[in-house]
């Protein structure tokens, strides 16, 4: 006899997942300001969007993601223009 478990995701689990994604987006954004901004900036922005999908505000992650992405793109443009 096999039994299957069904996991019900309620508002508490949504809040926990949302805050986890918010925290990760801030971490990705800060890392992106210093190391490979294009990749980490995109990851920060997308992770912040996931957090907002769970109902948690992630404005800091979005802003850091955009700043990291733009600064990384400018750095790459200047670097390859001088080569």
PDB file of N, CA and C in Angstrom:
ATOM      1  N   UNK A   1       0.834  -1.170   0.000  1.00  0.00           N
ATOM      2  CA  UNK A   1       0.000   0.000   0.000  1.00  0.00           C
ATOM      3  C   UNK A   1       0.886   1.243   0.000  1.00  0.00           C
ATOM      4  N   UNK A   2       0.647   2.099  -0.931  1.00  0.00           N
ATOM      5  CA  UNK A   2       1.435   3.329  -1.009  1.00  0.00           C
ATOM      6  C   UNK A   2       0.588   4.505  -0.560  1.00  0.00           C
ATOM      7  N   UNK A   3       1.233   5.391   0.106  1.00  0.00           N
ATOM      8  CA  UNK A   3       0.559   6.613   0.524  1.00  0.00           C
ATOM      9  C   UNK A   3       1.297   7.791  -0.075  1.00  0.00           C
ATOM     10  N   UNK A   4       0.563   8.770  -0.413  1.00  0.00           N
ATOM     11  CA  UNK A   4       1.171   9.989  -0.930  1.00  0.00           C
ATOM     12  C   UNK A   4       0.864  11.117   0.029  1.00  0.00           C
ATOM     13  N   UNK A   5       1.851  11.947   0.200  1.00  0.00           N
ATOM     14  CA  UNK A   5       1.668  13.106   1.072  1.00  0.00           C
ATOM     15  C   UNK A   5       1.426  14.327   0.212  1.00  0.00           C
ATOM     16  N   UNK A   6       0.508  15.108   0.616  1.00  0.00           N
ATOM     17  CA  UNK A   6       0.252  16.362  -0.077  1.00  0.00           C
ATOM     18  C   UNK A   6       0.643  17.484   0.863  1.00  0.00           C
ATOM     19  N   UNK A   7       1.461  18.360   0.353  1.00  0.00           N
ATOM     20  CA  UNK A   7       1.901  19.492   1.152  1.00  0.00           C
ATOM     21  C   UNK A   7       1.078  20.707   0.766  1.00  0.00           C
ATOM     22  N   UNK A   8       0.470  21.281   1.739  1.00  0.00           N
ATOM     23  CA  UNK A   8      -0.340  22.466   1.513  1.00  0.00           C
ATOM     24  C   UNK A   8       0.509  23.684   1.854  1.00  0.00           C
ATOM     25  N   UNK A   9       0.629  24.565   0.895  1.00  0.00           N
ATOM     26  CA  UNK A   9       1.402  25.780   1.114  1.00  0.00           C
ATOM     27  C   UNK A   9       0.418  26.881   1.480  1.00  0.00           C
ATOM     28  N   UNK A  10       0.570  27.372   2.676  1.00  0.00           N
ATOM     29  CA  UNK A  10      -0.325  28.407   3.160  1.00  0.00           C
ATOM     30  C   UNK A  10       0.373  29.754   3.218  1.00  0.00           C
ATOM     31  N   UNK A  11      -0.274  30.726   3.829  1.00  0.00           N
ATOM     32  CA  UNK A  11       0.306  32.067   3.910  1.00  0.00           C
ATOM     33  C   UNK A  11       1.610  32.117   4.703  1.00  0.00           C
ATOM     34  N   UNK A  12       1.759  31.264   5.710  1.00  0.00           N
ATOM     35  CA  UNK A  12       2.993  31.276   6.484  1.00  0.00           C
ATOM     36  C   UNK A  12       4.170  30.809   5.642  1.00  0.00           C
ATOM     37  N   UNK A  13       3.947  29.755   4.849  1.00  0.00           N
ATOM     38  CA  UNK A  13       5.009  29.243   3.991  1.00  0.00           C
ATOM     39  C   UNK A  13       5.346  30.235   2.891  1.00  0.00           C
ATOM     40  N   UNK A  14       4.335  30.931   2.379  1.00  0.00           N
ATOM     41  CA  UNK A  14       4.582  31.969   1.375  1.00  0.00           C
ATOM     42  C   UNK A  14       5.454  33.081   1.951  1.00  0.00           C
ATOM     43  N   UNK A  15       5.180  33.466   3.171  1.00  0.00           N
ATOM     44  CA  UNK A  15       5.972  34.514   3.817  1.00  0.00           C
ATOM     45  C   UNK A  15       7.408  34.061   4.034  1.00  0.00           C
ATOM     46  N   UNK A  16       7.581  32.815   4.439  1.00  0.00           N
ATOM     47  CA  UNK A  16       8.935  32.293   4.660  1.00  0.00           C
ATOM     48  C   UNK A  16       9.704  32.242   3.343  1.00  0.00           C
ATOM     49  N   UNK A  17       9.084  31.715   2.288  1.00  0.00           N
ATOM     50  CA  UNK A  17       9.756  31.652   0.984  1.00  0.00           C
ATOM     51  C   UNK A  17      10.027  33.048   0.432  1.00  0.00           C
ATOM     52  N   UNK A  18       9.085  33.956   0.600  1.00  0.00           N
ATOM     53  CA  UNK A  18       9.262  35.320   0.110  1.00  0.00           C
ATOM     54  C   UNK A  18      10.412  36.035   0.794  1.00  0.00           C
ATOM     55  N   UNK A  19      10.521  35.879   2.108  1.00  0.00           N
ATOM     56  CA  UNK A  19      11.623  36.532   2.814  1.00  0.00           C
ATOM     57  C   UNK A  19      12.965  35.890   2.456  1.00  0.00           C
ATOM     58  N   UNK A  20      12.953  34.587   2.181  1.00  0.00           N
ATOM     59  CA  UNK A  20      14.182  33.917   1.748  1.00  0.00           C
ATOM     60  C   UNK A  20      14.632  34.470   0.397  1.00  0.00           C
ATOM     61  N   UNK A  21      13.699  34.611  -0.534  1.00  0.00           N
ATOM     62  CA  UNK A  21      14.040  35.173  -1.841  1.00  0.00           C
ATOM     63  C   UNK A  21      14.470  36.632  -1.729  1.00  0.00           C
ATOM     64  N   UNK A  22      13.826  37.393  -0.842  1.00  0.00           N
ATOM     65  CA  UNK A  22      14.218  38.797  -0.648  1.00  0.00           C
ATOM     66  C   UNK A  22      15.652  38.897  -0.141  1.00  0.00           C
ATOM     67  N   UNK A  23      15.985  38.070   0.844  1.00  0.00           N
ATOM     68  CA  UNK A  23      17.336  38.070   1.405  1.00  0.00           C
ATOM     69  C   UNK A  23      18.361  37.680   0.338  1.00  0.00           C
ATOM     70  N   UNK A  24      18.043  36.657  -0.436  1.00  0.00           N
ATOM     71  CA  UNK A  24      18.961  36.222  -1.492  1.00  0.00           C
ATOM     72  C   UNK A  24      19.131  37.293  -2.560  1.00  0.00           C
ATOM     73  N   UNK A  25      18.073  38.022  -2.881  1.00  0.00           N
ATOM     74  CA  UNK A  25      18.198  39.069  -3.900  1.00  0.00           C
ATOM     75  C   UNK A  25      19.102  40.197  -3.424  1.00  0.00           C
ATOM     76  N   UNK A  26      19.031  40.528  -2.151  1.00  0.00           N
ATOM     77  CA  UNK A  26      19.919  41.562  -1.611  1.00  0.00           C
ATOM     78  C   UNK A  26      21.371  41.080  -1.633  1.00  0.00           C
ATOM     79  N   UNK A  27      21.584  39.820  -1.277  1.00  0.00           N
ATOM     80  CA  UNK A  27      22.943  39.266  -1.307  1.00  0.00           C
ATOM     81  C   UNK A  27      23.487  39.270  -2.729  1.00  0.00           C
ATOM     82  N   UNK A  28      22.683  38.815  -3.700  1.00  0.00           N
ATOM     83  CA  UNK A  28      23.121  38.813  -5.097  1.00  0.00           C
ATOM     84  C   UNK A  28      23.418  40.230  -5.580  1.00  0.00           C
ATOM     85  N   UNK A  29      22.606  41.200  -5.172  1.00  0.00           N
ATOM     86  CA  UNK A  29      22.816  42.579  -5.590  1.00  0.00           C
ATOM     87  C   UNK A  29      24.107  43.159  -5.047  1.00  0.00           C
ATOM     88  N   UNK A  30      24.405  42.875  -3.791  1.00  0.00           N
ATOM     89  CA  UNK A  30      25.640  43.386  -3.195  1.00  0.00           C
ATOM     90  C   UNK A  30      26.860  42.733  -3.837  1.00  0.00           C
ATOM     91  N   UNK A  31      26.784  41.431  -4.052  1.00  0.00           N
ATOM     92  CA  UNK A  31      27.892  40.752  -4.727  1.00  0.00           C
ATOM     93  C   UNK A  31      28.057  41.302  -6.135  1.00  0.00           C
ATOM     94  N   UNK A  32      26.951  41.570  -6.800  1.00  0.00           N
ATOM     95  CA  UNK A  32      26.996  42.086  -8.162  1.00  0.00           C
ATOM     96  C   UNK A  32      27.611  43.459  -8.275  1.00  0.00           C
ATOM     97  N   UNK A  33      27.576  44.238  -7.210  1.00  0.00           N
ATOM     98  CA  UNK A  33      28.208  45.555  -7.249  1.00  0.00           C
ATOM     99  C   UNK A  33      29.724  45.448  -7.315  1.00  0.00           C
ATOM    100  N   UNK A  34      30.268  44.319  -6.857  1.00  0.00           N
ATOM    101  CA  UNK A  34      31.719  44.168  -6.798  1.00  0.00           C
ATOM    102  C   UNK A  34      32.269  43.129  -7.772  1.00  0.00           C
ATOM    103  N   UNK A  35      31.500  42.078  -8.056  1.00  0.00           N
ATOM    104  CA  UNK A  35      31.986  40.979  -8.894  1.00  0.00           C
ATOM    105  C   UNK A  35      30.939  40.676  -9.969  1.00  0.00           C
ATOM    106  N   UNK A  36      31.335  40.695 -11.215  1.00  0.00           N
ATOM    107  CA  UNK A  36      30.509  40.298 -12.355  1.00  0.00           C
ATOM    108  C   UNK A  36      29.066  40.789 -12.217  1.00  0.00           C
ATOM    109  N   UNK A  37      28.909  42.093 -12.345  1.00  0.00           N
ATOM    110  CA  UNK A  37      27.633  42.737 -12.111  1.00  0.00           C
ATOM    111  C   UNK A  37      26.516  42.329 -13.037  1.00  0.00           C
ATOM    112  N   UNK A  38      26.831  41.973 -14.280  1.00  0.00           N
ATOM    113  CA  UNK A  38      25.769  41.642 -15.223  1.00  0.00           C
ATOM    114  C   UNK A  38      25.047  40.368 -14.777  1.00  0.00           C
ATOM    115  N   UNK A  39      25.795  39.356 -14.428  1.00  0.00           N
ATOM    116  CA  UNK A  39      25.185  38.088 -14.021  1.00  0.00           C
ATOM    117  C   UNK A  39      24.480  38.174 -12.682  1.00  0.00           C
ATOM    118  N   UNK A  40      25.184  38.688 -11.693  1.00  0.00           N
ATOM    119  CA  UNK A  40      24.586  38.780 -10.365  1.00  0.00           C
ATOM    120  C   UNK A  40      23.477  39.826 -10.309  1.00  0.00           C
ATOM    121  N   UNK A  41      23.573  40.872 -11.113  1.00  0.00           N
ATOM    122  CA  UNK A  41      22.504  41.865 -11.156  1.00  0.00           C
ATOM    123  C   UNK A  41      21.215  41.275 -11.689  1.00  0.00           C
ATOM    124  N   UNK A  42      21.334  40.477 -12.739  1.00  0.00           N
ATOM    125  CA  UNK A  42      20.152  39.821 -13.290  1.00  0.00           C
ATOM    126  C   UNK A  42      19.565  38.825 -12.293  1.00  0.00           C
ATOM    127  N   UNK A  43      20.441  38.081 -11.626  1.00  0.00           N
ATOM    128  CA  UNK A  43      19.959  37.125 -10.624  1.00  0.00           C
ATOM    129  C   UNK A  43      19.259  37.844  -9.475  1.00  0.00           C
ATOM    130  N   UNK A  44      19.799  38.985  -9.054  1.00  0.00           N
ATOM    131  CA  UNK A  44      19.180  39.749  -7.959  1.00  0.00           C
ATOM    132  C   UNK A  44      17.803  40.244  -8.362  1.00  0.00           C
ATOM    133  N   UNK A  45      17.694  40.767  -9.576  1.00  0.00           N
ATOM    134  CA  UNK A  45      16.407  41.297 -10.027  1.00  0.00           C
ATOM    135  C   UNK A  45      15.367  40.188 -10.145  1.00  0.00           C
ATOM    136  N   UNK A  46      15.753  39.059 -10.728  1.00  0.00           N
ATOM    137  CA  UNK A  46      14.802  37.961 -10.896  1.00  0.00           C
ATOM    138  C   UNK A  46      14.408  37.339  -9.561  1.00  0.00           C
ATOM    139  N   UNK A  47      15.336  37.255  -8.634  1.00  0.00           N
ATOM    140  CA  UNK A  47      15.017  36.720  -7.316  1.00  0.00           C
ATOM    141  C   UNK A  47      14.095  37.673  -6.561  1.00  0.00           C
ATOM    142  N   UNK A  48      14.288  38.970  -6.736  1.00  0.00           N
ATOM    143  CA  UNK A  48      13.391  39.949  -6.112  1.00  0.00           C
ATOM    144  C   UNK A  48      11.988  39.839  -6.700  1.00  0.00           C
ATOM    145  N   UNK A  49      11.900  39.571  -7.992  1.00  0.00           N
ATOM    146  CA  UNK A  49      10.581  39.374  -8.612  1.00  0.00           C
ATOM    147  C   UNK A  49       9.890  38.138  -8.043  1.00  0.00           C
ATOM    148  N   UNK A  50      10.656  37.074  -7.777  1.00  0.00           N
ATOM    149  CA  UNK A  50      10.083  35.884  -7.155  1.00  0.00           C
ATOM    150  C   UNK A  50       9.551  36.204  -5.765  1.00  0.00           C
ATOM    151  N   UNK A  51      10.319  36.995  -5.005  1.00  0.00           N
ATOM    152  CA  UNK A  51       9.883  37.372  -3.655  1.00  0.00           C
ATOM    153  C   UNK A  51       8.585  38.150  -3.719  1.00  0.00           C
ATOM    154  N   UNK A  52       8.473  39.047  -4.679  1.00  0.00           N
ATOM    155  CA  UNK A  52       7.239  39.814  -4.806  1.00  0.00           C
ATOM    156  C   UNK A  52       6.082  38.934  -5.259  1.00  0.00           C
ATOM    157  N   UNK A  53       6.389  37.854  -5.952  1.00  0.00           N
ATOM    158  CA  UNK A  53       5.349  36.896  -6.317  1.00  0.00           C
ATOM    159  C   UNK A  53       4.753  36.215  -5.099  1.00  0.00           C
ATOM    160  N   UNK A  54       5.524  36.108  -4.040  1.00  0.00           N
ATOM    161  CA  UNK A  54       5.039  35.536  -2.784  1.00  0.00           C
ATOM    162  C   UNK A  54       4.467  36.599  -1.849  1.00  0.00           C
ATOM    163  N   UNK A  55       4.381  37.823  -2.312  1.00  0.00           N
ATOM    164  CA  UNK A  55       3.756  38.875  -1.519  1.00  0.00           C
ATOM    165  C   UNK A  55       4.684  39.612  -0.582  1.00  0.00           C
ATOM    166  N   UNK A  56       5.977  39.501  -0.783  1.00  0.00           N
ATOM    167  CA  UNK A  56       6.955  40.178   0.072  1.00  0.00           C
ATOM    168  C   UNK A  56       7.615  41.280  -0.748  1.00  0.00           C
ATOM    169  N   UNK A  57       7.667  42.479  -0.215  1.00  0.00           N
ATOM    170  CA  UNK A  57       8.303  43.581  -0.936  1.00  0.00           C
ATOM    171  C   UNK A  57       9.806  43.368  -0.994  1.00  0.00           C
ATOM    172  N   UNK A  58      10.382  43.561  -2.189  1.00  0.00           N
ATOM    173  CA  UNK A  58      11.818  43.350  -2.372  1.00  0.00           C
ATOM    174  C   UNK A  58      12.409  44.487  -3.186  1.00  0.00           C
ATOM    175  N   UNK A  59      12.116  45.702  -2.782  1.00  0.00           N
ATOM    176  CA  UNK A  59      12.580  46.880  -3.511  1.00  0.00           C
ATOM    177  C   UNK A  59      14.099  46.995  -3.483  1.00  0.00           C
ATOM    178  N   UNK A  60      14.703  46.704  -2.342  1.00  0.00           N
ATOM    179  CA  UNK A  60      16.165  46.819  -2.224  1.00  0.00           C
ATOM    180  C   UNK A  60      16.858  45.857  -3.182  1.00  0.00           C
ATOM    181  N   UNK A  61      16.355  44.647  -3.289  1.00  0.00           N
ATOM    182  CA  UNK A  61      16.942  43.678  -4.203  1.00  0.00           C
ATOM    183  C   UNK A  61      16.815  44.102  -5.654  1.00  0.00           C
ATOM    184  N   UNK A  62      15.663  44.682  -5.999  1.00  0.00           N
ATOM    185  CA  UNK A  62      15.475  45.167  -7.372  1.00  0.00           C
ATOM    186  C   UNK A  62      16.428  46.310  -7.688  1.00  0.00           C
ATOM    187  N   UNK A  63      16.525  47.259  -6.770  1.00  0.00           N
ATOM    188  CA  UNK A  63      17.395  48.420  -7.000  1.00  0.00           C
ATOM    189  C   UNK A  63      18.852  47.988  -7.090  1.00  0.00           C
ATOM    190  N   UNK A  64      19.286  47.132  -6.173  1.00  0.00           N
ATOM    191  CA  UNK A  64      20.664  46.650  -6.217  1.00  0.00           C
ATOM    192  C   UNK A  64      20.923  45.849  -7.488  1.00  0.00           C
ATOM    193  N   UNK A  65      19.944  45.069  -7.916  1.00  0.00           N
ATOM    194  CA  UNK A  65      20.096  44.301  -9.138  1.00  0.00           C
ATOM    195  C   UNK A  65      20.245  45.180 -10.357  1.00  0.00           C
ATOM    196  N   UNK A  66      19.433  46.221 -10.437  1.00  0.00           N
ATOM    197  CA  UNK A  66      19.526  47.143 -11.569  1.00  0.00           C
ATOM    198  C   UNK A  66      20.851  47.886 -11.549  1.00  0.00           C
ATOM    199  N   UNK A  67      21.257  48.370 -10.367  1.00  0.00           N
ATOM    200  CA  UNK A  67      22.541  49.074 -10.262  1.00  0.00           C
ATOM    201  C   UNK A  67      23.710  48.172 -10.635  1.00  0.00           C
ATOM    202  N   UNK A  68      23.686  46.939 -10.161  1.00  0.00           N
ATOM    203  CA  UNK A  68      24.772  46.010 -10.467  1.00  0.00           C
ATOM    204  C   UNK A  68      24.805  45.690 -11.952  1.00  0.00           C
ATOM    205  N   UNK A  69      23.641  45.479 -12.546  1.00  0.00           N
ATOM    206  CA  UNK A  69      23.584  45.144 -13.971  1.00  0.00           C
ATOM    207  C   UNK A  69      24.093  46.298 -14.825  1.00  0.00           C
ATOM    208  N   UNK A  70      23.623  47.510 -14.533  1.00  0.00           N
ATOM    209  CA  UNK A  70      24.026  48.677 -15.327  1.00  0.00           C
ATOM    210  C   UNK A  70      25.510  48.973 -15.143  1.00  0.00           C
ATOM    211  N   UNK A  71      25.992  48.943 -13.898  1.00  0.00           N
ATOM    212  CA  UNK A  71      27.408  49.232 -13.685  1.00  0.00           C
ATOM    213  C   UNK A  71      28.286  48.150 -14.305  1.00  0.00           C
ATOM    214  N   UNK A  72      27.856  46.894 -14.250  1.00  0.00           N
ATOM    215  CA  UNK A  72      28.607  45.823 -14.895  1.00  0.00           C
ATOM    216  C   UNK A  72      28.628  45.965 -16.406  1.00  0.00           C
ATOM    217  N   UNK A  73      27.498  46.379 -17.002  1.00  0.00           N
ATOM    218  CA  UNK A  73      27.449  46.574 -18.448  1.00  0.00           C
ATOM    219  C   UNK A  73      28.341  47.737 -18.872  1.00  0.00           C
ATOM    220  N   UNK A  74      28.335  48.810 -18.093  1.00  0.00           N
ATOM    221  CA  UNK A  74      29.204  49.957 -18.408  1.00  0.00           C
ATOM    222  C   UNK A  74      30.669  49.547 -18.288  1.00  0.00           C
ATOM    223  N   UNK A  75      31.003  48.809 -17.241  1.00  0.00           N
ATOM    224  CA  UNK A  75      32.380  48.352 -17.069  1.00  0.00           C
ATOM    225  C   UNK A  75      32.826  47.494 -18.249  1.00  0.00           C
ATOM    226  N   UNK A  76      31.976  46.558 -18.667  1.00  0.00           N
ATOM    227  CA  UNK A  76      32.333  45.706 -19.801  1.00  0.00           C
ATOM    228  C   UNK A  76      32.475  46.509 -21.081  1.00  0.00           C
ATOM    229  N   UNK A  77      31.602  47.490 -21.290  1.00  0.00           N
ATOM    230  CA  UNK A  77      31.679  48.315 -22.497  1.00  0.00           C
ATOM    231  C   UNK A  77      32.977  49.114 -22.519  1.00  0.00           C
ATOM    232  N   UNK A  78      33.348  49.708 -21.395  1.00  0.00           N
ATOM    233  CA  UNK A  78      34.589  50.483 -21.325  1.00  0.00           C
ATOM    234  C   UNK A  78      35.797  49.561 -21.476  1.00  0.00           C
ATOM    235  N   UNK A  79      35.747  48.402 -20.862  1.00  0.00           N
ATOM    236  CA  UNK A  79      36.874  47.467 -20.918  1.00  0.00           C
ATOM    237  C   UNK A  79      37.120  47.000 -22.349  1.00  0.00           C
ATOM    238  N   UNK A  80      36.058  46.595 -23.042  1.00  0.00           N
ATOM    239  CA  UNK A  80      36.243  46.096 -24.401  1.00  0.00           C
ATOM    240  C   UNK A  80      36.425  47.209 -25.425  1.00  0.00           C
ATOM    241  N   UNK A  81      36.035  48.417 -25.102  1.00  0.00           N
ATOM    242  CA  UNK A  81      36.274  49.547 -26.022  1.00  0.00           C
ATOM    243  C   UNK A  81      37.742  49.920 -26.031  1.00  0.00           C
ATOM    244  N   UNK A  82      38.435  49.712 -24.937  1.00  0.00           N
ATOM    245  CA  UNK A  82      39.855  50.060 -24.845  1.00  0.00           C
ATOM    246  C   UNK A  82      40.781  48.938 -25.330  1.00  0.00           C
ATOM    247  N   UNK A  83      40.251  47.826 -25.701  1.00  0.00           N
ATOM    248  CA  UNK A  83      41.098  46.707 -26.178  1.00  0.00           C
ATOM    249  C   UNK A  83      41.444  46.870 -27.624  1.00  0.00           C
TER     250      UNK A  83
END
